[in-house]
Amino acid sequence: YVEAELRGPSPYYLSVESRLPIWMK
């Protein structure tokens, strides 16, 4: 996830990634 420069188009608020801390993203 961190390596990816372009992330998927799925609804962001429904993804697991939406729960990651801001500093990590």
mmCIF file of all heavy atoms, coordinates in Angstrom:
data_MODEL
# 
_entry.id   MODEL 
# 
loop_
_atom_site.group_PDB 
_atom_site.id 
_atom_site.type_symbol 
_atom_site.label_atom_id 
_atom_site.label_alt_id 
_atom_site.label_comp_id 
_atom_site.label_asym_id 
_atom_site.label_entity_id 
_atom_site.label_seq_id 
_atom_site.pdbx_PDB_ins_code 
_atom_site.Cartn_x 
_atom_site.Cartn_y 
_atom_site.Cartn_z 
_atom_site.occupancy 
_atom_site.B_iso_or_equiv 
_atom_site.pdbx_formal_charge 
_atom_site.auth_seq_id 
_atom_site.auth_comp_id 
_atom_site.auth_asym_id 
_atom_site.auth_atom_id 
_atom_site.pdbx_PDB_model_num 
ATOM 1   N N   . TYR A 1 1  ? 0.828   -1.204 0.000   1.00 0.00 ? 1  TYR A N   1 
ATOM 2   C CA  . TYR A 1 1  ? 0.000   0.000  0.000   1.00 0.00 ? 1  TYR A CA  1 
ATOM 3   C C   . TYR A 1 1  ? 0.866   1.259  0.000   1.00 0.00 ? 1  TYR A C   1 
ATOM 4   O O   . TYR A 1 1  ? 0.621   2.194  -0.754  1.00 0.00 ? 1  TYR A O   1 
ATOM 5   C CB  . TYR A 1 1  ? -0.937  0.013  1.208   1.00 0.00 ? 1  TYR A CB  1 
ATOM 6   C CG  . TYR A 1 1  ? -1.801  1.254  1.235   1.00 0.00 ? 1  TYR A CG  1 
ATOM 7   C CD1 . TYR A 1 1  ? -2.916  1.353  0.417   1.00 0.00 ? 1  TYR A CD1 1 
ATOM 8   C CD2 . TYR A 1 1  ? -1.481  2.329  2.053   1.00 0.00 ? 1  TYR A CD2 1 
ATOM 9   C CE1 . TYR A 1 1  ? -3.691  2.493  0.407   1.00 0.00 ? 1  TYR A CE1 1 
ATOM 10  C CE2 . TYR A 1 1  ? -2.258  3.469  2.058   1.00 0.00 ? 1  TYR A CE2 1 
ATOM 11  C CZ  . TYR A 1 1  ? -3.356  3.552  1.234   1.00 0.00 ? 1  TYR A CZ  1 
ATOM 12  O OH  . TYR A 1 1  ? -4.121  4.681  1.227   1.00 0.00 ? 1  TYR A OH  1 
ATOM 13  N N   . VAL A 1 2  ? 1.885   1.285  0.833   1.00 0.00 ? 2  VAL A N   1 
ATOM 14  C CA  . VAL A 1 2  ? 2.747   2.472  0.942   1.00 0.00 ? 2  VAL A CA  1 
ATOM 15  C C   . VAL A 1 2  ? 3.565   2.657  -0.325  1.00 0.00 ? 2  VAL A C   1 
ATOM 16  O O   . VAL A 1 2  ? 3.771   3.792  -0.772  1.00 0.00 ? 2  VAL A O   1 
ATOM 17  C CB  . VAL A 1 2  ? 3.656   2.366  2.191   1.00 0.00 ? 2  VAL A CB  1 
ATOM 18  C CG1 . VAL A 1 2  ? 4.682   3.463  2.229   1.00 0.00 ? 2  VAL A CG1 1 
ATOM 19  C CG2 . VAL A 1 2  ? 2.818   2.381  3.461   1.00 0.00 ? 2  VAL A CG2 1 
ATOM 20  N N   . GLU A 1 3  ? 4.027   1.563  -0.931  1.00 0.00 ? 3  GLU A N   1 
ATOM 21  C CA  . GLU A 1 3  ? 4.825   1.650  -2.159  1.00 0.00 ? 3  GLU A CA  1 
ATOM 22  C C   . GLU A 1 3  ? 4.027   2.207  -3.335  1.00 0.00 ? 3  GLU A C   1 
ATOM 23  O O   . GLU A 1 3  ? 4.580   2.871  -4.202  1.00 0.00 ? 3  GLU A O   1 
ATOM 24  C CB  . GLU A 1 3  ? 5.342   0.266  -2.555  1.00 0.00 ? 3  GLU A CB  1 
ATOM 25  C CG  . GLU A 1 3  ? 6.549   -0.187 -1.804  1.00 0.00 ? 3  GLU A CG  1 
ATOM 26  C CD  . GLU A 1 3  ? 6.996   -1.583 -2.219  1.00 0.00 ? 3  GLU A CD  1 
ATOM 27  O OE1 . GLU A 1 3  ? 6.158   -2.341 -2.769  1.00 0.00 ? 3  GLU A OE1 1 
ATOM 28  O OE2 . GLU A 1 3  ? 8.151   -1.894 -1.981  1.00 0.00 ? 3  GLU A OE2 1 
ATOM 29  N N   . ALA A 1 4  ? 2.745   1.936  -3.372  1.00 0.00 ? 4  ALA A N   1 
ATOM 30  C CA  . ALA A 1 4  ? 1.912   2.317  -4.519  1.00 0.00 ? 4  ALA A CA  1 
ATOM 31  C C   . ALA A 1 4  ? 1.805   3.840  -4.612  1.00 0.00 ? 4  ALA A C   1 
ATOM 32  O O   . ALA A 1 4  ? 1.420   4.507  -3.661  1.00 0.00 ? 4  ALA A O   1 
ATOM 33  C CB  . ALA A 1 4  ? 0.528   1.707  -4.381  1.00 0.00 ? 4  ALA A CB  1 
ATOM 34  N N   . GLU A 1 5  ? 2.144   4.364  -5.774  1.00 0.00 ? 5  GLU A N   1 
ATOM 35  C CA  . GLU A 1 5  ? 2.014   5.801  -5.983  1.00 0.00 ? 5  GLU A CA  1 
ATOM 36  C C   . GLU A 1 5  ? 0.604   6.166  -6.433  1.00 0.00 ? 5  GLU A C   1 
ATOM 37  O O   . GLU A 1 5  ? 0.137   7.267  -6.205  1.00 0.00 ? 5  GLU A O   1 
ATOM 38  C CB  . GLU A 1 5  ? 3.054   6.274  -6.992  1.00 0.00 ? 5  GLU A CB  1 
ATOM 39  C CG  . GLU A 1 5  ? 4.463   6.159  -6.434  1.00 0.00 ? 5  GLU A CG  1 
ATOM 40  C CD  . GLU A 1 5  ? 5.483   6.836  -7.320  1.00 0.00 ? 5  GLU A CD  1 
ATOM 41  O OE1 . GLU A 1 5  ? 5.101   7.707  -8.121  1.00 0.00 ? 5  GLU A OE1 1 
ATOM 42  O OE2 . GLU A 1 5  ? 6.653   6.489  -7.196  1.00 0.00 ? 5  GLU A OE2 1 
ATOM 43  N N   . LEU A 1 6  ? -0.054  5.219  -7.081  1.00 0.00 ? 6  LEU A N   1 
ATOM 44  C CA  . LEU A 1 6  ? -1.431  5.420  -7.512  1.00 0.00 ? 6  LEU A CA  1 
ATOM 45  C C   . LEU A 1 6  ? -2.262  4.321  -6.866  1.00 0.00 ? 6  LEU A C   1 
ATOM 46  O O   . LEU A 1 6  ? -2.005  3.144  -7.042  1.00 0.00 ? 6  LEU A O   1 
ATOM 47  C CB  . LEU A 1 6  ? -1.533  5.339  -9.042  1.00 0.00 ? 6  LEU A CB  1 
ATOM 48  C CG  . LEU A 1 6  ? -2.881  5.665  -9.652  1.00 0.00 ? 6  LEU A CG  1 
ATOM 49  C CD1 . LEU A 1 6  ? -3.287  7.102  -9.303  1.00 0.00 ? 6  LEU A CD1 1 
ATOM 50  C CD2 . LEU A 1 6  ? -2.836  5.497  -11.146 1.00 0.00 ? 6  LEU A CD2 1 
ATOM 51  N N   . ARG A 1 7  ? -3.269  4.724  -6.118  1.00 0.00 ? 7  ARG A N   1 
ATOM 52  C CA  . ARG A 1 7  ? -4.060  3.757  -5.365  1.00 0.00 ? 7  ARG A CA  1 
ATOM 53  C C   . ARG A 1 7  ? -5.420  3.546  -6.011  1.00 0.00 ? 7  ARG A C   1 
ATOM 54  O O   . ARG A 1 7  ? -5.908  4.392  -6.741  1.00 0.00 ? 7  ARG A O   1 
ATOM 55  C CB  . ARG A 1 7  ? -4.178  4.225  -3.931  1.00 0.00 ? 7  ARG A CB  1 
ATOM 56  C CG  . ARG A 1 7  ? -2.761  4.336  -3.337  1.00 0.00 ? 7  ARG A CG  1 
ATOM 57  C CD  . ARG A 1 7  ? -2.735  4.596  -1.886  1.00 0.00 ? 7  ARG A CD  1 
ATOM 58  N NE  . ARG A 1 7  ? -1.346  4.574  -1.441  1.00 0.00 ? 7  ARG A NE  1 
ATOM 59  C CZ  . ARG A 1 7  ? -0.787  5.522  -0.739  1.00 0.00 ? 7  ARG A CZ  1 
ATOM 60  N NH1 . ARG A 1 7  ? -1.484  6.563  -0.363  1.00 0.00 ? 7  ARG A NH1 1 
ATOM 61  N NH2 . ARG A 1 7  ? 0.472   5.428  -0.376  1.00 0.00 ? 7  ARG A NH2 1 
ATOM 62  N N   . GLY A 1 8  ? -6.049  2.397  -5.722  1.00 0.00 ? 8  GLY A N   1 
ATOM 63  C CA  . GLY A 1 8  ? -7.277  1.954  -6.377  1.00 0.00 ? 8  GLY A CA  1 
ATOM 64  C C   . GLY A 1 8  ? -8.449  2.908  -6.310  1.00 0.00 ? 8  GLY A C   1 
ATOM 65  O O   . GLY A 1 8  ? -8.540  3.752  -5.421  1.00 0.00 ? 8  GLY A O   1 
ATOM 66  N N   . PRO A 1 9  ? -9.413  2.746  -7.237  1.00 0.00 ? 9  PRO A N   1 
ATOM 67  C CA  . PRO A 1 9  ? -10.563 3.646  -7.332  1.00 0.00 ? 9  PRO A CA  1 
ATOM 68  C C   . PRO A 1 9  ? -11.766 3.246  -6.463  1.00 0.00 ? 9  PRO A C   1 
ATOM 69  O O   . PRO A 1 9  ? -12.805 3.863  -6.551  1.00 0.00 ? 9  PRO A O   1 
ATOM 70  C CB  . PRO A 1 9  ? -10.937 3.539  -8.806  1.00 0.00 ? 9  PRO A CB  1 
ATOM 71  C CG  . PRO A 1 9  ? -10.592 2.139  -9.161  1.00 0.00 ? 9  PRO A CG  1 
ATOM 72  C CD  . PRO A 1 9  ? -9.366  1.811  -8.349  1.00 0.00 ? 9  PRO A CD  1 
ATOM 73  N N   . SER A 1 10 ? -11.629 2.206  -5.626  1.00 0.00 ? 10 SER A N   1 
ATOM 74  C CA  . SER A 1 10 ? -12.779 1.778  -4.818  1.00 0.00 ? 10 SER A CA  1 
ATOM 75  C C   . SER A 1 10 ? -13.191 2.882  -3.847  1.00 0.00 ? 10 SER A C   1 
ATOM 76  O O   . SER A 1 10 ? -12.386 3.749  -3.516  1.00 0.00 ? 10 SER A O   1 
ATOM 77  C CB  . SER A 1 10 ? -12.433 0.507  -4.045  1.00 0.00 ? 10 SER A CB  1 
ATOM 78  O OG  . SER A 1 10 ? -11.362 0.758  -3.171  1.00 0.00 ? 10 SER A OG  1 
ATOM 79  N N   . PRO A 1 11 ? -14.442 2.856  -3.386  1.00 0.00 ? 11 PRO A N   1 
ATOM 80  C CA  . PRO A 1 11 ? -14.886 3.899  -2.438  1.00 0.00 ? 11 PRO A CA  1 
ATOM 81  C C   . PRO A 1 11 ? -13.972 3.924  -1.213  1.00 0.00 ? 11 PRO A C   1 
ATOM 82  O O   . PRO A 1 11 ? -13.866 2.942  -0.485  1.00 0.00 ? 11 PRO A O   1 
ATOM 83  C CB  . PRO A 1 11 ? -16.298 3.472  -2.064  1.00 0.00 ? 11 PRO A CB  1 
ATOM 84  C CG  . PRO A 1 11 ? -16.738 2.552  -3.145  1.00 0.00 ? 11 PRO A CG  1 
ATOM 85  C CD  . PRO A 1 11 ? -15.499 1.915  -3.695  1.00 0.00 ? 11 PRO A CD  1 
ATOM 86  N N   . TYR A 1 12 ? -13.282 5.024  -1.042  1.00 0.00 ? 12 TYR A N   1 
ATOM 87  C CA  . TYR A 1 12 ? -12.228 5.114  -0.032  1.00 0.00 ? 12 TYR A CA  1 
ATOM 88  C C   . TYR A 1 12 ? -12.744 4.860  1.376   1.00 0.00 ? 12 TYR A C   1 
ATOM 89  O O   . TYR A 1 12 ? -12.126 4.151  2.158   1.00 0.00 ? 12 TYR A O   1 
ATOM 90  C CB  . TYR A 1 12 ? -11.548 6.477  -0.122  1.00 0.00 ? 12 TYR A CB  1 
ATOM 91  C CG  . TYR A 1 12 ? -10.404 6.608  0.846   1.00 0.00 ? 12 TYR A CG  1 
ATOM 92  C CD1 . TYR A 1 12 ? -9.218  5.919  0.619   1.00 0.00 ? 12 TYR A CD1 1 
ATOM 93  C CD2 . TYR A 1 12 ? -10.513 7.398  1.982   1.00 0.00 ? 12 TYR A CD2 1 
ATOM 94  C CE1 . TYR A 1 12 ? -8.164  6.012  1.505   1.00 0.00 ? 12 TYR A CE1 1 
ATOM 95  C CE2 . TYR A 1 12 ? -9.461  7.491  2.866   1.00 0.00 ? 12 TYR A CE2 1 
ATOM 96  C CZ  . TYR A 1 12 ? -8.292  6.804  2.622   1.00 0.00 ? 12 TYR A CZ  1 
ATOM 97  O OH  . TYR A 1 12 ? -7.247  6.887  3.497   1.00 0.00 ? 12 TYR A OH  1 
ATOM 98  N N   . TYR A 1 13 ? -13.892 5.418  1.727   1.00 0.00 ? 13 TYR A N   1 
ATOM 99  C CA  . TYR A 1 13 ? -14.401 5.304  3.087   1.00 0.00 ? 13 TYR A CA  1 
ATOM 100 C C   . TYR A 1 13 ? -14.784 3.868  3.458   1.00 0.00 ? 13 TYR A C   1 
ATOM 101 O O   . TYR A 1 13 ? -14.954 3.550  4.630   1.00 0.00 ? 13 TYR A O   1 
ATOM 102 C CB  . TYR A 1 13 ? -15.591 6.239  3.313   1.00 0.00 ? 13 TYR A CB  1 
ATOM 103 C CG  . TYR A 1 13 ? -16.788 5.908  2.456   1.00 0.00 ? 13 TYR A CG  1 
ATOM 104 C CD1 . TYR A 1 13 ? -17.791 5.079  2.926   1.00 0.00 ? 13 TYR A CD1 1 
ATOM 105 C CD2 . TYR A 1 13 ? -16.895 6.418  1.171   1.00 0.00 ? 13 TYR A CD2 1 
ATOM 106 C CE1 . TYR A 1 13 ? -18.885 4.767  2.141   1.00 0.00 ? 13 TYR A CE1 1 
ATOM 107 C CE2 . TYR A 1 13 ? -17.985 6.101  0.378   1.00 0.00 ? 13 TYR A CE2 1 
ATOM 108 C CZ  . TYR A 1 13 ? -18.975 5.290  0.866   1.00 0.00 ? 13 TYR A CZ  1 
ATOM 109 O OH  . TYR A 1 13 ? -20.046 4.971  0.085   1.00 0.00 ? 13 TYR A OH  1 
ATOM 110 N N   . LEU A 1 14 ? -14.899 2.986  2.460   1.00 0.00 ? 14 LEU A N   1 
ATOM 111 C CA  . LEU A 1 14 ? -15.224 1.583  2.721   1.00 0.00 ? 14 LEU A CA  1 
ATOM 112 C C   . LEU A 1 14 ? -13.983 0.701  2.800   1.00 0.00 ? 14 LEU A C   1 
ATOM 113 O O   . LEU A 1 14 ? -14.081 -0.482 3.084   1.00 0.00 ? 14 LEU A O   1 
ATOM 114 C CB  . LEU A 1 14 ? -16.141 1.043  1.624   1.00 0.00 ? 14 LEU A CB  1 
ATOM 115 C CG  . LEU A 1 14 ? -17.525 1.673  1.521   1.00 0.00 ? 14 LEU A CG  1 
ATOM 116 C CD1 . LEU A 1 14 ? -18.277 1.101  0.331   1.00 0.00 ? 14 LEU A CD1 1 
ATOM 117 C CD2 . LEU A 1 14 ? -18.309 1.438  2.795   1.00 0.00 ? 14 LEU A CD2 1 
ATOM 118 N N   . SER A 1 15 ? -12.818 1.266  2.560   1.00 0.00 ? 15 SER A N   1 
ATOM 119 C CA  . SER A 1 15 ? -11.609 0.458  2.488   1.00 0.00 ? 15 SER A CA  1 
ATOM 120 C C   . SER A 1 15 ? -10.907 0.340  3.836   1.00 0.00 ? 15 SER A C   1 
ATOM 121 O O   . SER A 1 15 ? -11.081 1.166  4.730   1.00 0.00 ? 15 SER A O   1 
ATOM 122 C CB  . SER A 1 15 ? -10.646 1.068  1.465   1.00 0.00 ? 15 SER A CB  1 
ATOM 123 O OG  . SER A 1 15 ? -10.169 2.295  1.947   1.00 0.00 ? 15 SER A OG  1 
ATOM 124 N N   . VAL A 1 16 ? -10.112 -0.697 3.942   1.00 0.00 ? 16 VAL A N   1 
ATOM 125 C CA  . VAL A 1 16 ? -9.286  -0.892 5.134   1.00 0.00 ? 16 VAL A CA  1 
ATOM 126 C C   . VAL A 1 16 ? -8.268  0.245  5.242   1.00 0.00 ? 16 VAL A C   1 
ATOM 127 O O   . VAL A 1 16 ? -7.961  0.723  6.332   1.00 0.00 ? 16 VAL A O   1 
ATOM 128 C CB  . VAL A 1 16 ? -8.559  -2.258 5.054   1.00 0.00 ? 16 VAL A CB  1 
ATOM 129 C CG1 . VAL A 1 16 ? -7.577  -2.423 6.185   1.00 0.00 ? 16 VAL A CG1 1 
ATOM 130 C CG2 . VAL A 1 16 ? -9.555  -3.384 5.024   1.00 0.00 ? 16 VAL A CG2 1 
ATOM 131 N N   . GLU A 1 17 ? -7.774  0.697  4.109   1.00 0.00 ? 17 GLU A N   1 
ATOM 132 C CA  . GLU A 1 17 ? -6.764  1.753  4.080   1.00 0.00 ? 17 GLU A CA  1 
ATOM 133 C C   . GLU A 1 17 ? -7.259  3.062  4.683   1.00 0.00 ? 17 GLU A C   1 
ATOM 134 O O   . GLU A 1 17 ? -6.483  3.870  5.157   1.00 0.00 ? 17 GLU A O   1 
ATOM 135 C CB  . GLU A 1 17 ? -6.280  2.001  2.651   1.00 0.00 ? 17 GLU A CB  1 
ATOM 136 C CG  . GLU A 1 17 ? -5.550  0.833  2.047   1.00 0.00 ? 17 GLU A CG  1 
ATOM 137 C CD  . GLU A 1 17 ? -6.495  -0.162 1.385   1.00 0.00 ? 17 GLU A CD  1 
ATOM 138 O OE1 . GLU A 1 17 ? -7.711  0.098  1.285   1.00 0.00 ? 17 GLU A OE1 1 
ATOM 139 O OE2 . GLU A 1 17 ? -6.008  -1.222 0.964   1.00 0.00 ? 17 GLU A OE2 1 
ATOM 140 N N   . SER A 1 18 ? -8.561  3.272  4.673   1.00 0.00 ? 18 SER A N   1 
ATOM 141 C CA  . SER A 1 18 ? -9.091  4.520  5.239   1.00 0.00 ? 18 SER A CA  1 
ATOM 142 C C   . SER A 1 18 ? -8.849  4.589  6.741   1.00 0.00 ? 18 SER A C   1 
ATOM 143 O O   . SER A 1 18 ? -8.903  5.666  7.326   1.00 0.00 ? 18 SER A O   1 
ATOM 144 C CB  . SER A 1 18 ? -10.587 4.654  4.948   1.00 0.00 ? 18 SER A CB  1 
ATOM 145 O OG  . SER A 1 18 ? -11.330 3.689  5.660   1.00 0.00 ? 18 SER A OG  1 
ATOM 146 N N   . ARG A 1 19 ? -8.569  3.447  7.363   1.00 0.00 ? 19 ARG A N   1 
ATOM 147 C CA  . ARG A 1 19 ? -8.313  3.395  8.807   1.00 0.00 ? 19 ARG A CA  1 
ATOM 148 C C   . ARG A 1 19 ? -6.836  3.546  9.161   1.00 0.00 ? 19 ARG A C   1 
ATOM 149 O O   . ARG A 1 19 ? -6.489  3.630  10.323  1.00 0.00 ? 19 ARG A O   1 
ATOM 150 C CB  . ARG A 1 19 ? -8.830  2.083  9.395   1.00 0.00 ? 19 ARG A CB  1 
ATOM 151 C CG  . ARG A 1 19 ? -10.295 1.846  9.149   1.00 0.00 ? 19 ARG A CG  1 
ATOM 152 C CD  . ARG A 1 19 ? -11.121 2.860  9.878   1.00 0.00 ? 19 ARG A CD  1 
ATOM 153 N NE  . ARG A 1 19 ? -12.545 2.598  9.647   1.00 0.00 ? 19 ARG A NE  1 
ATOM 154 C CZ  . ARG A 1 19 ? -13.454 3.530  9.709   1.00 0.00 ? 19 ARG A CZ  1 
ATOM 155 N NH1 . ARG A 1 19 ? -13.130 4.758  9.974   1.00 0.00 ? 19 ARG A NH1 1 
ATOM 156 N NH2 . ARG A 1 19 ? -14.703 3.229  9.492   1.00 0.00 ? 19 ARG A NH2 1 
ATOM 157 N N   . LEU A 1 20 ? -5.968  3.557  8.147   1.00 0.00 ? 20 LEU A N   1 
ATOM 158 C CA  . LEU A 1 20 ? -4.542  3.746  8.426   1.00 0.00 ? 20 LEU A CA  1 
ATOM 159 C C   . LEU A 1 20 ? -4.290  5.181  8.882   1.00 0.00 ? 20 LEU A C   1 
ATOM 160 O O   . LEU A 1 20 ? -4.968  6.108  8.441   1.00 0.00 ? 20 LEU A O   1 
ATOM 161 C CB  . LEU A 1 20 ? -3.703  3.461  7.176   1.00 0.00 ? 20 LEU A CB  1 
ATOM 162 C CG  . LEU A 1 20 ? -3.650  2.013  6.712   1.00 0.00 ? 20 LEU A CG  1 
ATOM 163 C CD1 . LEU A 1 20 ? -2.884  1.924  5.397   1.00 0.00 ? 20 LEU A CD1 1 
ATOM 164 C CD2 . LEU A 1 20 ? -3.016  1.132  7.756   1.00 0.00 ? 20 LEU A CD2 1 
ATOM 165 N N   . PRO A 1 21 ? -3.292  5.383  9.748   1.00 0.00 ? 21 PRO A N   1 
ATOM 166 C CA  . PRO A 1 21 ? -3.004  6.746  10.201  1.00 0.00 ? 21 PRO A CA  1 
ATOM 167 C C   . PRO A 1 21 ? -2.496  7.630  9.056   1.00 0.00 ? 21 PRO A C   1 
ATOM 168 O O   . PRO A 1 21 ? -1.842  7.155  8.130   1.00 0.00 ? 21 PRO A O   1 
ATOM 169 C CB  . PRO A 1 21 ? -1.924  6.561  11.267  1.00 0.00 ? 21 PRO A CB  1 
ATOM 170 C CG  . PRO A 1 21 ? -1.430  5.176  11.135  1.00 0.00 ? 21 PRO A CG  1 
ATOM 171 C CD  . PRO A 1 21 ? -2.453  4.390  10.384  1.00 0.00 ? 21 PRO A CD  1 
ATOM 172 N N   . ILE A 1 22 ? -2.786  8.909  9.147   1.00 0.00 ? 22 ILE A N   1 
ATOM 173 C CA  . ILE A 1 22 ? -2.415  9.875  8.104   1.00 0.00 ? 22 ILE A CA  1 
ATOM 174 C C   . ILE A 1 22 ? -0.903  9.880  7.873   1.00 0.00 ? 22 ILE A C   1 
ATOM 175 O O   . ILE A 1 22 ? -0.456  9.925  6.725   1.00 0.00 ? 22 ILE A O   1 
ATOM 176 C CB  . ILE A 1 22 ? -2.893  11.297 8.495   1.00 0.00 ? 22 ILE A CB  1 
ATOM 177 C CG1 . ILE A 1 22 ? -4.403  11.321 8.683   1.00 0.00 ? 22 ILE A CG1 1 
ATOM 178 C CG2 . ILE A 1 22 ? -2.446  12.326 7.480   1.00 0.00 ? 22 ILE A CG2 1 
ATOM 179 C CD1 . ILE A 1 22 ? -5.205  11.237 7.432   1.00 0.00 ? 22 ILE A CD1 1 
ATOM 180 N N   . TRP A 1 23 ? -0.125  9.841  8.944   1.00 0.00 ? 23 TRP A N   1 
ATOM 181 C CA  . TRP A 1 23 ? 1.334   9.918  8.792   1.00 0.00 ? 23 TRP A CA  1 
ATOM 182 C C   . TRP A 1 23 ? 1.873   8.762  7.952   1.00 0.00 ? 23 TRP A C   1 
ATOM 183 O O   . TRP A 1 23 ? 2.877   8.902  7.273   1.00 0.00 ? 23 TRP A O   1 
ATOM 184 C CB  . TRP A 1 23 ? 2.033   9.969  10.151  1.00 0.00 ? 23 TRP A CB  1 
ATOM 185 C CG  . TRP A 1 23 ? 1.861   8.747  11.005  1.00 0.00 ? 23 TRP A CG  1 
ATOM 186 C CD1 . TRP A 1 23 ? 0.909   8.530  11.957  1.00 0.00 ? 23 TRP A CD1 1 
ATOM 187 C CD2 . TRP A 1 23 ? 2.658   7.555  10.975  1.00 0.00 ? 23 TRP A CD2 1 
ATOM 188 N NE1 . TRP A 1 23 ? 1.051   7.296  12.519  1.00 0.00 ? 23 TRP A NE1 1 
ATOM 189 C CE2 . TRP A 1 23 ? 2.130   6.671  11.942  1.00 0.00 ? 23 TRP A CE2 1 
ATOM 190 C CE3 . TRP A 1 23 ? 3.770   7.149  10.239  1.00 0.00 ? 23 TRP A CE3 1 
ATOM 191 C CZ2 . TRP A 1 23 ? 2.666   5.413  12.185  1.00 0.00 ? 23 TRP A CZ2 1 
ATOM 192 C CZ3 . TRP A 1 23 ? 4.300   5.893  10.484  1.00 0.00 ? 23 TRP A CZ3 1 
ATOM 193 C CH2 . TRP A 1 23 ? 3.756   5.046  11.455  1.00 0.00 ? 23 TRP A CH2 1 
ATOM 194 N N   . MET A 1 24 ? 1.202   7.630  7.959   1.00 0.00 ? 24 MET A N   1 
ATOM 195 C CA  . MET A 1 24 ? 1.657   6.475  7.186   1.00 0.00 ? 24 MET A CA  1 
ATOM 196 C C   . MET A 1 24 ? 1.302   6.630  5.709   1.00 0.00 ? 24 MET A C   1 
ATOM 197 O O   . MET A 1 24 ? 2.000   6.115  4.842   1.00 0.00 ? 24 MET A O   1 
ATOM 198 C CB  . MET A 1 24 ? 1.014   5.205  7.745   1.00 0.00 ? 24 MET A CB  1 
ATOM 199 C CG  . MET A 1 24 ? 1.594   3.930  7.168   1.00 0.00 ? 24 MET A CG  1 
ATOM 200 S SD  . MET A 1 24 ? 0.783   2.433  7.765   1.00 0.00 ? 24 MET A SD  1 
ATOM 201 C CE  . MET A 1 24 ? 1.116   2.516  9.498   1.00 0.00 ? 24 MET A CE  1 
ATOM 202 N N   . LYS A 1 25 ? 0.248   7.358  5.401   1.00 0.00 ? 25 LYS A N   1 
ATOM 203 C CA  . LYS A 1 25 ? -0.222  7.492  4.022   1.00 0.00 ? 25 LYS A CA  1 
ATOM 204 C C   . LYS A 1 25 ? 0.362   8.696  3.296   1.00 0.00 ? 25 LYS A C   1 
ATOM 205 O O   . LYS A 1 25 ? 0.215   8.805  2.089   1.00 0.00 ? 25 LYS A O   1 
ATOM 206 C CB  . LYS A 1 25 ? -1.752  7.588  4.016   1.00 0.00 ? 25 LYS A CB  1 
ATOM 207 C CG  . LYS A 1 25 ? -2.426  6.350  4.561   1.00 0.00 ? 25 LYS A CG  1 
ATOM 208 C CD  . LYS A 1 25 ? -3.921  6.411  4.424   1.00 0.00 ? 25 LYS A CD  1 
ATOM 209 C CE  . LYS A 1 25 ? -4.552  7.262  5.495   1.00 0.00 ? 25 LYS A CE  1 
ATOM 210 N NZ  . LYS A 1 25 ? -6.010  7.187  5.521   1.00 0.00 ? 25 LYS A NZ  1 
# 
